[in-house]
PDB file of N, CA and C in Angstrom:
ATOM      1  N   MET A   1     -27.107  64.786  85.136  1.00  0.00           N
ATOM      2  CA  MET A   1     -25.800  65.008  85.753  1.00  0.00           C
ATOM      3  C   MET A   1     -24.835  65.462  84.652  1.00  0.00           C
ATOM      4  N   PRO A   2     -24.044  66.472  84.954  1.00  0.00           N
ATOM      5  CA  PRO A   2     -23.069  66.933  83.956  1.00  0.00           C
ATOM      6  C   PRO A   2     -21.936  65.916  83.802  1.00  0.00           C
ATOM      7  N   PRO A   3     -21.182  66.014  82.720  1.00  0.00           N
ATOM      8  CA  PRO A   3     -20.027  65.118  82.582  1.00  0.00           C
ATOM      9  C   PRO A   3     -18.970  65.463  83.626  1.00  0.00           C
ATOM     10  N   PRO A   4     -18.227  64.458  84.098  1.00  0.00           N
ATOM     11  CA  PRO A   4     -17.186  64.749  85.094  1.00  0.00           C
ATOM     12  C   PRO A   4     -16.040  65.543  84.480  1.00  0.00           C
ATOM     13  N   LEU A   5     -15.284  66.194  85.332  1.00  0.00           N
ATOM     14  CA  LEU A   5     -14.070  66.869  84.879  1.00  0.00           C
ATOM     15  C   LEU A   5     -13.053  65.813  84.466  1.00  0.00           C
ATOM     16  N   PRO A   6     -12.196  66.118  83.501  1.00  0.00           N
ATOM     17  CA  PRO A   6     -11.128  65.165  83.168  1.00  0.00           C
ATOM     18  C   PRO A   6     -10.162  65.032  84.352  1.00  0.00           C
ATOM     19  N   PRO A   7      -9.501  63.889  84.473  1.00  0.00           N
ATOM     20  CA  PRO A   7      -8.539  63.713  85.571  1.00  0.00           C
ATOM     21  C   PRO A   7      -7.420  64.749  85.500  1.00  0.00           C
ATOM     22  N   GLY A   8      -6.903  65.099  86.650  1.00  0.00           N
ATOM     23  CA  GLY A   8      -5.800  66.053  86.729  1.00  0.00           C
ATOM     24  C   GLY A   8      -5.311  66.148  88.150  1.00  0.00           C
ATOM     25  N   PRO A   9      -4.299  66.975  88.378  1.00  0.00           N
ATOM     26  CA  PRO A   9      -3.751  67.115  89.732  1.00  0.00           C
ATOM     27  C   PRO A   9      -4.774  67.727  90.681  1.00  0.00           C
ATOM     28  N   THR A  10      -4.701  67.299  91.944  1.00  0.00           N
ATOM     29  CA  THR A  10      -5.584  67.817  92.975  1.00  0.00           C
ATOM     30  C   THR A  10      -4.757  68.364  94.129  1.00  0.00           C
ATOM     31  N   ARG A  11      -5.416  69.140  94.953  1.00  0.00           N
ATOM     32  CA  ARG A  11      -4.782  69.680  96.154  1.00  0.00           C
ATOM     33  C   ARG A  11      -5.794  69.599  97.296  1.00  0.00           C
ATOM     34  N   ARG A  12      -5.329  69.295  98.469  1.00  0.00           N
ATOM     35  CA  ARG A  12      -6.190  69.234  99.652  1.00  0.00           C
ATOM     36  C   ARG A  12      -6.567  70.659 100.035  1.00  0.00           C
ATOM     37  N   ALA A  13      -7.864  70.923 100.093  1.00  0.00           N
ATOM     38  CA  ALA A  13      -8.342  72.271 100.391  1.00  0.00           C
ATOM     39  C   ALA A  13      -9.757  72.171 100.956  1.00  0.00           C
ATOM     40  N   PRO A  14     -10.226  73.236 101.600  1.00  0.00           N
ATOM     41  CA  PRO A  14     -11.599  73.210 102.110  1.00  0.00           C
ATOM     42  C   PRO A  14     -12.612  73.290 100.968  1.00  0.00           C
ATOM     43  N   LEU A  15     -13.713  72.605 101.132  1.00  0.00           N
ATOM     44  CA  LEU A  15     -14.781  72.636 100.131  1.00  0.00           C
ATOM     45  C   LEU A  15     -15.206  74.073  99.837  1.00  0.00           C
ATOM     46  N   GLY A  16     -15.164  74.926 100.842  1.00  0.00           N
ATOM     47  CA  GLY A  16     -15.562  76.322 100.675  1.00  0.00           C
ATOM     48  C   GLY A  16     -14.711  77.109  99.700  1.00  0.00           C
ATOM     49  N   ALA A  17     -13.566  76.566  99.299  1.00  0.00           N
ATOM     50  CA  ALA A  17     -12.742  77.244  98.291  1.00  0.00           C
ATOM     51  C   ALA A  17     -13.427  77.245  96.927  1.00  0.00           C
ATOM     52  N   VAL A  18     -14.353  76.312  96.711  1.00  0.00           N
ATOM     53  CA  VAL A  18     -15.002  76.209  95.400  1.00  0.00           C
ATOM     54  C   VAL A  18     -16.527  76.169  95.474  1.00  0.00           C
ATOM     55  N   ALA A  19     -17.092  76.168  96.695  1.00  0.00           N
ATOM     56  CA  ALA A  19     -18.544  76.046  96.808  1.00  0.00           C
ATOM     57  C   ALA A  19     -19.079  76.910  97.936  1.00  0.00           C
ATOM     58  N   GLY A  20     -20.276  77.387  97.739  1.00  0.00           N
ATOM     59  CA  GLY A  20     -20.992  78.089  98.790  1.00  0.00           C
ATOM     60  C   GLY A  20     -21.961  77.132  99.455  1.00  0.00           C
ATOM     61  N   ALA A  21     -22.477  77.502 100.617  1.00  0.00           N
ATOM     62  CA  ALA A  21     -23.445  76.646 101.307  1.00  0.00           C
ATOM     63  C   ALA A  21     -24.323  77.482 102.220  1.00  0.00           C
ATOM     64  N   ARG A  22     -25.502  76.977 102.448  1.00  0.00           N
ATOM     65  CA  ARG A  22     -26.440  77.585 103.389  1.00  0.00           C
ATOM     66  C   ARG A  22     -27.219  76.446 104.020  1.00  0.00           C
ATOM     67  N   SER A  23     -27.532  76.567 105.276  1.00  0.00           N
ATOM     68  CA  SER A  23     -28.236  75.480 105.945  1.00  0.00           C
ATOM     69  C   SER A  23     -29.254  76.028 106.923  1.00  0.00           C
ATOM     70  N   GLY A  24     -30.147  75.153 107.329  1.00  0.00           N
ATOM     71  CA  GLY A  24     -31.166  75.518 108.293  1.00  0.00           C
ATOM     72  C   GLY A  24     -31.928  74.292 108.731  1.00  0.00           C
ATOM     73  N   ASP A  25     -33.029  74.526 109.450  1.00  0.00           N
ATOM     74  CA  ASP A  25     -33.777  73.413 110.009  1.00  0.00           C
ATOM     75  C   ASP A  25     -35.154  73.293 109.381  1.00  0.00           C
ATOM     76  N   LYS A  26     -35.673  72.100 109.451  1.00  0.00           N
ATOM     77  CA  LYS A  26     -37.056  71.811 109.077  1.00  0.00           C
ATOM     78  C   LYS A  26     -37.501  70.749 110.065  1.00  0.00           C
ATOM     79  N   GLY A  27     -38.063  71.176 111.192  1.00  0.00           N
ATOM     80  CA  GLY A  27     -38.388  70.252 112.275  1.00  0.00           C
ATOM     81  C   GLY A  27     -37.104  69.691 112.848  1.00  0.00           C
ATOM     82  N   GLY A  28     -36.994  68.375 112.917  1.00  0.00           N
ATOM     83  CA  GLY A  28     -35.793  67.730 113.427  1.00  0.00           C
ATOM     84  C   GLY A  28     -34.750  67.471 112.369  1.00  0.00           C
ATOM     85  N   SER A  29     -35.005  67.896 111.144  1.00  0.00           N
ATOM     86  CA  SER A  29     -34.077  67.649 110.034  1.00  0.00           C
ATOM     87  C   SER A  29     -33.267  68.890 109.703  1.00  0.00           C
ATOM     88  N   ALA A  30     -32.049  68.650 109.249  1.00  0.00           N
ATOM     89  CA  ALA A  30     -31.211  69.742 108.751  1.00  0.00           C
ATOM     90  C   ALA A  30     -31.308  69.758 107.236  1.00  0.00           C
ATOM     91  N   ASN A  31     -31.305  70.930 106.675  1.00  0.00           N
ATOM     92  CA  ASN A  31     -31.387  71.133 105.240  1.00  0.00           C
ATOM     93  C   ASN A  31     -30.116  71.876 104.835  1.00  0.00           C
ATOM     94  N   ILE A  32     -29.303  71.270 103.949  1.00  0.00           N
ATOM     95  CA  ILE A  32     -28.020  71.866 103.559  1.00  0.00           C
ATOM     96  C   ILE A  32     -28.012  72.065 102.047  1.00  0.00           C
ATOM     97  N   GLY A  33     -27.902  73.306 101.624  1.00  0.00           N
ATOM     98  CA  GLY A  33     -27.772  73.624 100.208  1.00  0.00           C
ATOM     99  C   GLY A  33     -26.320  73.944  99.892  1.00  0.00           C
ATOM    100  N   VAL A  34     -25.795  73.361  98.819  1.00  0.00           N
ATOM    101  CA  VAL A  34     -24.407  73.585  98.401  1.00  0.00           C
ATOM    102  C   VAL A  34     -24.436  73.930  96.925  1.00  0.00           C
ATOM    103  N   TRP A  35     -23.748  75.014  96.537  1.00  0.00           N
ATOM    104  CA  TRP A  35     -23.754  75.404  95.137  1.00  0.00           C
ATOM    105  C   TRP A  35     -22.347  75.688  94.655  1.00  0.00           C
ATOM    106  N   ALA A  36     -22.172  75.490  93.360  1.00  0.00           N
ATOM    107  CA  ALA A  36     -20.890  75.747  92.708  1.00  0.00           C
ATOM    108  C   ALA A  36     -20.907  77.137  92.102  1.00  0.00           C
ATOM    109  N   ARG A  37     -19.735  77.735  92.049  1.00  0.00           N
ATOM    110  CA  ARG A  37     -19.638  79.106  91.538  1.00  0.00           C
ATOM    111  C   ARG A  37     -19.494  79.172  90.022  1.00  0.00           C
ATOM    112  N   GLY A  38     -19.183  78.057  89.383  1.00  0.00           N
ATOM    113  CA  GLY A  38     -19.016  78.033  87.936  1.00  0.00           C
ATOM    114  C   GLY A  38     -19.315  76.648  87.389  1.00  0.00           C
ATOM    115  N   GLU A  39     -19.354  76.539  86.080  1.00  0.00           N
ATOM    116  CA  GLU A  39     -19.727  75.280  85.437  1.00  0.00           C
ATOM    117  C   GLU A  39     -18.741  74.152  85.726  1.00  0.00           C
ATOM    118  N   ASP A  40     -17.436  74.427  85.664  1.00  0.00           N
ATOM    119  CA  ASP A  40     -16.462  73.368  85.959  1.00  0.00           C
ATOM    120  C   ASP A  40     -16.557  72.908  87.412  1.00  0.00           C
ATOM    121  N   ALA A  41     -16.748  73.854  88.311  1.00  0.00           N
ATOM    122  CA  ALA A  41     -16.905  73.484  89.722  1.00  0.00           C
ATOM    123  C   ALA A  41     -18.171  72.656  89.912  1.00  0.00           C
ATOM    124  N   TRP A  42     -19.226  72.975  89.178  1.00  0.00           N
ATOM    125  CA  TRP A  42     -20.455  72.183  89.241  1.00  0.00           C
ATOM    126  C   TRP A  42     -20.212  70.758  88.745  1.00  0.00           C
ATOM    127  N   ARG A  43     -19.483  70.620  87.662  1.00  0.00           N
ATOM    128  CA  ARG A  43     -19.181  69.278  87.144  1.00  0.00           C
ATOM    129  C   ARG A  43     -18.461  68.451  88.206  1.00  0.00           C
ATOM    130  N   TRP A  44     -17.526  69.068  88.917  1.00  0.00           N
ATOM    131  CA  TRP A  44     -16.794  68.362  89.969  1.00  0.00           C
ATOM    132  C   TRP A  44     -17.703  68.085  91.167  1.00  0.00           C
ATOM    133  N   LEU A  45     -18.440  69.091  91.624  1.00  0.00           N
ATOM    134  CA  LEU A  45     -19.287  68.968  92.798  1.00  0.00           C
ATOM    135  C   LEU A  45     -20.347  67.886  92.615  1.00  0.00           C
ATOM    136  N   ALA A  46     -20.995  67.869  91.469  1.00  0.00           N
ATOM    137  CA  ALA A  46     -22.072  66.909  91.217  1.00  0.00           C
ATOM    138  C   ALA A  46     -21.592  65.468  91.312  1.00  0.00           C
ATOM    139  N   HIS A  47     -20.345  65.223  90.931  1.00  0.00           N
ATOM    140  CA  HIS A  47     -19.804  63.862  90.975  1.00  0.00           C
ATOM    141  C   HIS A  47     -19.114  63.550  92.304  1.00  0.00           C
ATOM    142  N   THR A  48     -18.702  64.556  93.029  1.00  0.00           N
ATOM    143  CA  THR A  48     -17.904  64.348  94.239  1.00  0.00           C
ATOM    144  C   THR A  48     -18.737  64.338  95.510  1.00  0.00           C
ATOM    145  N   LEU A  49     -19.653  65.276  95.642  1.00  0.00           N
ATOM    146  CA  LEU A  49     -20.391  65.416  96.893  1.00  0.00           C
ATOM    147  C   LEU A  49     -21.623  64.501  96.889  1.00  0.00           C
ATOM    148  N   THR A  50     -21.352  63.225  97.084  1.00  0.00           N
ATOM    149  CA  THR A  50     -22.390  62.210  97.183  1.00  0.00           C
ATOM    150  C   THR A  50     -22.874  62.130  98.630  1.00  0.00           C
ATOM    151  N   VAL A  51     -23.889  61.348  98.867  1.00  0.00           N
ATOM    152  CA  VAL A  51     -24.358  61.123 100.234  1.00  0.00           C
ATOM    153  C   VAL A  51     -23.250  60.484 101.067  1.00  0.00           C
ATOM    154  N   ASP A  52     -22.553  59.499 100.491  1.00  0.00           N
ATOM    155  CA  ASP A  52     -21.460  58.857 101.229  1.00  0.00           C
ATOM    156  C   ASP A  52     -20.353  59.850 101.570  1.00  0.00           C
ATOM    157  N   ARG A  53     -20.008  60.734 100.634  1.00  0.00           N
ATOM    158  CA  ARG A  53     -18.973  61.734 100.909  1.00  0.00           C
ATOM    159  C   ARG A  53     -19.433  62.717 101.966  1.00  0.00           C
ATOM    160  N   LEU A  54     -20.709  63.126 101.922  1.00  0.00           N
ATOM    161  CA  LEU A  54     -21.231  64.019 102.951  1.00  0.00           C
ATOM    162  C   LEU A  54     -21.100  63.357 104.322  1.00  0.00           C
ATOM    163  N   ARG A  55     -21.418  62.085 104.401  1.00  0.00           N
ATOM    164  CA  ARG A  55     -21.298  61.363 105.677  1.00  0.00           C
ATOM    165  C   ARG A  55     -19.853  61.306 106.160  1.00  0.00           C
ATOM    166  N   GLU A  56     -18.895  61.194 105.227  1.00  0.00           N
ATOM    167  CA  GLU A  56     -17.475  61.219 105.608  1.00  0.00           C
ATOM    168  C   GLU A  56     -17.068  62.593 106.132  1.00  0.00           C
ATOM    169  N   LEU A  57     -17.520  63.633 105.447  1.00  0.00           N
ATOM    170  CA  LEU A  57     -17.149  64.994 105.820  1.00  0.00           C
ATOM    171  C   LEU A  57     -17.844  65.468 107.094  1.00  0.00           C
ATOM    172  N   LEU A  58     -19.054  64.984 107.318  1.00  0.00           N
ATOM    173  CA  LEU A  58     -19.826  65.338 108.510  1.00  0.00           C
ATOM    174  C   LEU A  58     -20.164  64.047 109.254  1.00  0.00           C
ATOM    175  N   PRO A  59     -19.235  63.536 110.056  1.00  0.00           N
ATOM    176  CA  PRO A  59     -19.437  62.235 110.709  1.00  0.00           C
ATOM    177  C   PRO A  59     -20.702  62.155 111.570  1.00  0.00           C
ATOM    178  N   GLU A  60     -21.188  63.286 112.043  1.00  0.00           N
ATOM    179  CA  GLU A  60     -22.400  63.267 112.863  1.00  0.00           C
ATOM    180  C   GLU A  60     -23.632  62.844 112.063  1.00  0.00           C
ATOM    181  N   THR A  61     -23.504  62.784 110.719  1.00  0.00           N
ATOM    182  CA  THR A  61     -24.613  62.349 109.868  1.00  0.00           C
ATOM    183  C   THR A  61     -24.508  60.872 109.477  1.00  0.00           C
ATOM    184  N   ALA A  62     -23.448  60.205 109.895  1.00  0.00           N
ATOM    185  CA  ALA A  62     -23.136  58.848 109.418  1.00  0.00           C
ATOM    186  C   ALA A  62     -24.277  57.856 109.614  1.00  0.00           C
ATOM    187  N   GLU A  63     -24.972  57.929 110.720  1.00  0.00           N
ATOM    188  CA  GLU A  63     -26.027  56.956 111.018  1.00  0.00           C
ATOM    189  C   GLU A  63     -27.428  57.467 110.695  1.00  0.00           C
ATOM    190  N   LEU A  64     -27.515  58.639 110.107  1.00  0.00           N
ATOM    191  CA  LEU A  64     -28.816  59.248 109.832  1.00  0.00           C
ATOM    192  C   LEU A  64     -29.215  59.066 108.371  1.00  0.00           C
ATOM    193  N   ASN A  65     -30.504  59.178 108.103  1.00  0.00           N
ATOM    194  CA  ASN A  65     -30.995  59.119 106.731  1.00  0.00           C
ATOM    195  C   ASN A  65     -30.676  60.452 106.040  1.00  0.00           C
ATOM    196  N   VAL A  66     -29.972  60.375 104.924  1.00  0.00           N
ATOM    197  CA  VAL A  66     -29.599  61.570 104.162  1.00  0.00           C
ATOM    198  C   VAL A  66     -30.138  61.419 102.742  1.00  0.00           C
ATOM    199  N   THR A  67     -30.854  62.433 102.282  1.00  0.00           N
ATOM    200  CA  THR A  67     -31.391  62.446 100.921  1.00  0.00           C
ATOM    201  C   THR A  67     -30.730  63.586 100.153  1.00  0.00           C
ATOM    202  N   ARG A  68     -30.251  63.276  98.944  1.00  0.00           N
ATOM    203  CA  ARG A  68     -29.614  64.292  98.096  1.00  0.00           C
ATOM    204  C   ARG A  68     -30.539  64.635  96.939  1.00  0.00           C
ATOM    205  N   HIS A  69     -30.677  65.930  96.689  1.00  0.00           N
ATOM    206  CA  HIS A  69     -31.449  66.428  95.552  1.00  0.00           C
ATOM    207  C   HIS A  69     -30.503  67.248  94.679  1.00  0.00           C
ATOM    208  N   SER A  70     -30.497  66.964  93.400  1.00  0.00           N
ATOM    209  CA  SER A  70     -29.658  67.706  92.464  1.00  0.00           C
ATOM    210  C   SER A  70     -30.488  68.794  91.794  1.00  0.00           C
ATOM    211  N   LEU A  71     -29.933  69.999  91.731  1.00  0.00           N
ATOM    212  CA  LEU A  71     -30.591  71.147  91.116  1.00  0.00           C
ATOM    213  C   LEU A  71     -29.657  71.707  90.040  1.00  0.00           C
ATOM    214  N   PRO A  72     -29.574  71.023  88.892  1.00  0.00           N
ATOM    215  CA  PRO A  72     -28.555  71.367  87.893  1.00  0.00           C
ATOM    216  C   PRO A  72     -28.653  72.780  87.326  1.00  0.00           C
ATOM    217  N   ARG A  73     -29.846  73.325  87.186  1.00  0.00           N
ATOM    218  CA  ARG A  73     -29.951  74.686  86.638  1.00  0.00           C
ATOM    219  C   ARG A  73     -29.413  75.733  87.596  1.00  0.00           C
ATOM    220  N   LEU A  74     -29.371  75.374  88.870  1.00  0.00           N
ATOM    221  CA  LEU A  74     -28.790  76.258  89.875  1.00  0.00           C
ATOM    222  C   LEU A  74     -27.346  75.885  90.194  1.00  0.00           C
ATOM    223  N   ARG A  75     -26.863  74.799  89.585  1.00  0.00           N
ATOM    224  CA  ARG A  75     -25.540  74.237  89.884  1.00  0.00           C
ATOM    225  C   ARG A  75     -25.433  73.981  91.385  1.00  0.00           C
ATOM    226  N   ALA A  76     -26.471  73.313  91.903  1.00  0.00           N
ATOM    227  CA  ALA A  76     -26.556  73.122  93.350  1.00  0.00           C
ATOM    228  C   ALA A  76     -27.021  71.724  93.721  1.00  0.00           C
ATOM    229  N   LEU A  77     -26.699  71.370  94.951  1.00  0.00           N
ATOM    230  CA  LEU A  77     -27.167  70.143  95.577  1.00  0.00           C
ATOM    231  C   LEU A  77     -27.853  70.521  96.875  1.00  0.00           C
ATOM    232  N   ASN A  78     -28.888  69.785  97.220  1.00  0.00           N
ATOM    233  CA  ASN A  78     -29.555  69.985  98.494  1.00  0.00           C
ATOM    234  C   ASN A  78     -29.579  68.648  99.230  1.00  0.00           C
ATOM    235  N   PHE A  79     -29.174  68.675 100.491  1.00  0.00           N
ATOM    236  CA  PHE A  79     -29.180  67.480 101.331  1.00  0.00           C
ATOM    237  C   PHE A  79     -30.144  67.702 102.482  1.00  0.00           C
ATOM    238  N   VAL A  80     -30.986  66.706 102.729  1.00  0.00           N
ATOM    239  CA  VAL A  80     -31.855  66.710 103.895  1.00  0.00           C
ATOM    240  C   VAL A  80     -31.339  65.608 104.813  1.00  0.00           C
ATOM    241  N   VAL A  81     -30.975  65.989 106.033  1.00  0.00           N
ATOM    242  CA  VAL A  81     -30.445  65.051 107.018  1.00  0.00           C
ATOM    243  C   VAL A  81     -31.508  64.870 108.093  1.00  0.00           C
ATOM    244  N   ASP A  82     -32.211  63.748 108.022  1.00  0.00           N
ATOM    245  CA  ASP A  82     -33.295  63.484 108.963  1.00  0.00           C
ATOM    246  C   ASP A  82     -32.747  63.169 110.351  1.00  0.00           C
ATOM    247  N   GLY A  83     -33.314  63.815 111.348  1.00  0.00           N
ATOM    248  CA  GLY A  83     -32.986  63.509 112.734  1.00  0.00           C
ATOM    249  C   GLY A  83     -31.762  64.187 113.304  1.00  0.00           C
ATOM    250  N   LEU A  84     -31.059  64.992 112.533  1.00  0.00           N
ATOM    251  CA  LEU A  84     -29.860  65.650 113.057  1.00  0.00           C
ATOM    252  C   LEU A  84     -30.200  66.549 114.245  1.00  0.00           C
ATOM    253  N   LEU A  85     -31.384  67.118 114.235  1.00  0.00           N
ATOM    254  CA  LEU A  85     -31.789  68.053 115.287  1.00  0.00           C
ATOM    255  C   LEU A  85     -32.745  67.418 116.297  1.00  0.00           C
ATOM    256  N   GLY A  86     -32.782  66.098 116.332  1.00  0.00           N
ATOM    257  CA  GLY A  86     -33.667  65.423 117.271  1.00  0.00           C
ATOM    258  C   GLY A  86     -35.115  65.735 116.965  1.00  0.00           C
ATOM    259  N   GLU A  87     -35.833  66.249 117.960  1.00  0.00           N
ATOM    260  CA  GLU A  87     -37.250  66.564 117.777  1.00  0.00           C
ATOM    261  C   GLU A  87     -37.480  67.993 117.297  1.00  0.00           C
ATOM    262  N   GLY A  88     -36.414  68.724 117.048  1.00  0.00           N
ATOM    263  CA  GLY A  88     -36.564  70.091 116.556  1.00  0.00           C
ATOM    264  C   GLY A  88     -35.965  71.108 117.495  1.00  0.00           C
ATOM    265  N   VAL A  89     -35.958  72.345 117.064  1.00  0.00           N
ATOM    266  CA  VAL A  89     -35.265  73.418 117.759  1.00  0.00           C
ATOM    267  C   VAL A  89     -35.780  73.630 119.187  1.00  0.00           C
ATOM    268  N   ALA A  90     -37.054  73.494 119.415  1.00  0.00           N
ATOM    269  CA  ALA A  90     -37.608  73.767 120.737  1.00  0.00           C
ATOM    270  C   ALA A  90     -37.396  72.625 121.724  1.00  0.00           C
ATOM    271  N   ALA A  91     -36.940  71.476 121.231  1.00  0.00           N
ATOM    272  CA  ALA A  91     -36.854  70.291 122.083  1.00  0.00           C
ATOM    273  C   ALA A  91     -35.438  69.923 122.496  1.00  0.00           C
ATOM    274  N   GLN A  92     -34.474  70.823 122.319  1.00  0.00           N
ATOM    275  CA  GLN A  92     -33.103  70.433 122.634  1.00  0.00           C
ATOM    276  C   GLN A  92     -32.218  71.612 122.976  1.00  0.00           C
ATOM    277  N   ALA A  93     -31.022  71.278 123.437  1.00  0.00           N
ATOM    278  CA  ALA A  93     -30.045  72.297 123.802  1.00  0.00           C
ATOM    279  C   ALA A  93     -28.792  72.167 122.943  1.00  0.00           C
ATOM    280  N   ARG A  94     -28.918  71.681 121.708  1.00  0.00           N
ATOM    281  CA  ARG A  94     -27.792  71.536 120.799  1.00  0.00           C
ATOM    282  C   ARG A  94     -27.150  72.898 120.564  1.00  0.00           C
ATOM    283  N   PHE A  95     -25.825  72.925 120.388  1.00  0.00           N
ATOM    284  CA  PHE A  95     -25.101  74.172 120.153  1.00  0.00           C
ATOM    285  C   PHE A  95     -25.686  74.942 118.969  1.00  0.00           C
ATOM    286  N   ASP A  96     -26.046  74.236 117.905  1.00  0.00           N
ATOM    287  CA  ASP A  96     -26.587  74.845 116.694  1.00  0.00           C
ATOM    288  C   ASP A  96     -27.999  74.287 116.463  1.00  0.00           C
ATOM    289  N   PRO A  97     -28.971  74.653 117.299  1.00  0.00           N
ATOM    290  CA  PRO A  97     -30.283  73.999 117.262  1.00  0.00           C
ATOM    291  C   PRO A  97     -31.064  74.208 115.975  1.00  0.00           C
ATOM    292  N   GLN A  98     -30.724  75.212 115.199  1.00  0.00           N
ATOM    293  CA  GLN A  98     -31.428  75.448 113.941  1.00  0.00           C
ATOM    294  C   GLN A  98     -30.589  75.042 112.736  1.00  0.00           C
ATOM    295  N   ALA A  99     -29.443  74.415 112.966  1.00  0.00           N
ATOM    296  CA  ALA A  99     -28.554  73.932 111.907  1.00  0.00           C
ATOM    297  C   ALA A  99     -28.042  75.055 111.008  1.00  0.00           C
ATOM    298  N   LYS A 100     -27.990  76.278 111.519  1.00  0.00           N
ATOM    299  CA  LYS A 100     -27.525  77.407 110.710  1.00  0.00           C
ATOM    300  C   LYS A 100     -26.041  77.311 110.368  1.00  0.00           C
ATOM    301  N   ALA A 101     -25.257  76.636 111.198  1.00  0.00           N
ATOM    302  CA  ALA A 101     -23.812  76.549 110.975  1.00  0.00           C
ATOM    303  C   ALA A 101     -23.378  75.287 110.240  1.00  0.00           C
ATOM    304  N   VAL A 102     -24.290  74.366 109.966  1.00  0.00           N
ATOM    305  CA  VAL A 102     -23.905  73.101 109.321  1.00  0.00           C
ATOM    306  C   VAL A 102     -23.298  73.351 107.938  1.00  0.00           C
ATOM    307  N   GLY A 103     -23.852  74.284 107.180  1.00  0.00           N
ATOM    308  CA  GLY A 103     -23.313  74.595 105.853  1.00  0.00           C
ATOM    309  C   GLY A 103     -21.879  75.098 105.926  1.00  0.00           C
ATOM    310  N   GLU A 104     -21.608  75.972 106.888  1.00  0.00           N
ATOM    311  CA  GLU A 104     -20.240  76.481 107.035  1.00  0.00           C
ATOM    312  C   GLU A 104     -19.305  75.398 107.565  1.00  0.00           C
ATOM    313  N   TRP A 105     -19.811  74.524 108.432  1.00  0.00           N
ATOM    314  CA  TRP A 105     -19.010  73.402 108.907  1.00  0.00           C
ATOM    315  C   TRP A 105     -18.625  72.515 107.724  1.00  0.00           C
ATOM    316  N   LEU A 106     -19.579  72.244 106.825  1.00  0.00           N
ATOM    317  CA  LEU A 106     -19.286  71.457 105.623  1.00  0.00           C
ATOM    318  C   LEU A 106     -18.257  72.170 104.749  1.00  0.00           C
ATOM    319  N   ARG A 107     -18.393  73.473 104.555  1.00  0.00           N
ATOM    320  CA  ARG A 107     -17.451  74.233 103.723  1.00  0.00           C
ATOM    321  C   ARG A 107     -16.037  74.224 104.298  1.00  0.00           C
ATOM    322  N   SER A 108     -15.918  74.046 105.603  1.00  0.00           N
ATOM    323  CA  SER A 108     -14.593  74.040 106.239  1.00  0.00           C
ATOM    324  C   SER A 108     -13.871  72.705 106.105  1.00  0.00           C
ATOM    325  N   ARG A 109     -14.577  71.675 105.708  1.00  0.00           N
ATOM    326  CA  ARG A 109     -14.004  70.342 105.627  1.00  0.00           C
ATOM    327  C   ARG A 109     -13.100  70.231 104.396  1.00  0.00           C
ATOM    328  N   HIS A 110     -11.956  69.567 104.567  1.00  0.00           N
ATOM    329  CA  HIS A 110     -10.972  69.439 103.491  1.00  0.00           C
ATOM    330  C   HIS A 110     -11.153  68.158 102.695  1.00  0.00           C
ATOM    331  N   LEU A 111     -10.958  68.274 101.394  1.00  0.00           N
ATOM    332  CA  LEU A 111     -10.957  67.136 100.489  1.00  0.00           C
ATOM    333  C   LEU A 111     -10.086  67.452  99.300  1.00  0.00           C
ATOM    334  N   ASP A 112      -9.835  66.465  98.454  1.00  0.00           N
ATOM    335  CA  ASP A 112      -8.985  66.663  97.286  1.00  0.00           C
ATOM    336  C   ASP A 112      -9.793  67.366  96.191  1.00  0.00           C
ATOM    337  N   ILE A 113      -9.350  68.563  95.841  1.00  0.00           N
ATOM    338  CA  ILE A 113     -10.050  69.391  94.850  1.00  0.00           C
ATOM    339  C   ILE A 113      -9.120  69.566  93.642  1.00  0.00           C
ATOM    340  N   PRO A 114      -9.667  69.445  92.425  1.00  0.00           N
ATOM    341  CA  PRO A 114      -8.822  69.668  91.245  1.00  0.00           C
ATOM    342  C   PRO A 114      -8.181  71.050  91.277  1.00  0.00           C
ATOM    343  N   GLU A 115      -6.897  71.088  90.973  1.00  0.00           N
ATOM    344  CA  GLU A 115      -6.168  72.359  90.990  1.00  0.00           C
ATOM    345  C   GLU A 115      -6.740  73.369  90.030  1.00  0.00           C
ATOM    346  N   VAL A 116      -7.320  72.925  88.920  1.00  0.00           N
ATOM    347  CA  VAL A 116      -7.898  73.870  87.955  1.00  0.00           C
ATOM    348  C   VAL A 116      -9.040  74.678  88.555  1.00  0.00           C
ATOM    349  N   LEU A 117      -9.644  74.171  89.621  1.00  0.00           N
ATOM    350  CA  LEU A 117     -10.736  74.900  90.275  1.00  0.00           C
ATOM    351  C   LEU A 117     -10.235  75.859  91.338  1.00  0.00           C
ATOM    352  N   LEU A 118      -9.020  75.633  91.794  1.00  0.00           N
ATOM    353  CA  LEU A 118      -8.465  76.461  92.859  1.00  0.00           C
ATOM    354  C   LEU A 118      -7.714  77.640  92.281  1.00  0.00           C
TER     355      LEU A 118
END
């Protein structure tokens, strides 16, 4: 894990202002990849976007098993959310049955972001 950013002023903004994301399905699980655009953003993201924070930002994941994988050379995190899609794409009528929009939904969520990153 990289060292955290030093403390400083923050501003409420969408996660997408400093991070990209892509998501999809793997059976009944959603797979969410989130990456930082630069080293300082990675330092912040790695310490901020925990499993607990993901559950806060995406309340529909609160009761589900979530596993976080850190990919430091890519400045990225990967989250696997078990059961978000029930039995899988063919077994339901969910609005986003393949979880393609979950990454963008996460990017739209607001949190306190250091001003130096904005």
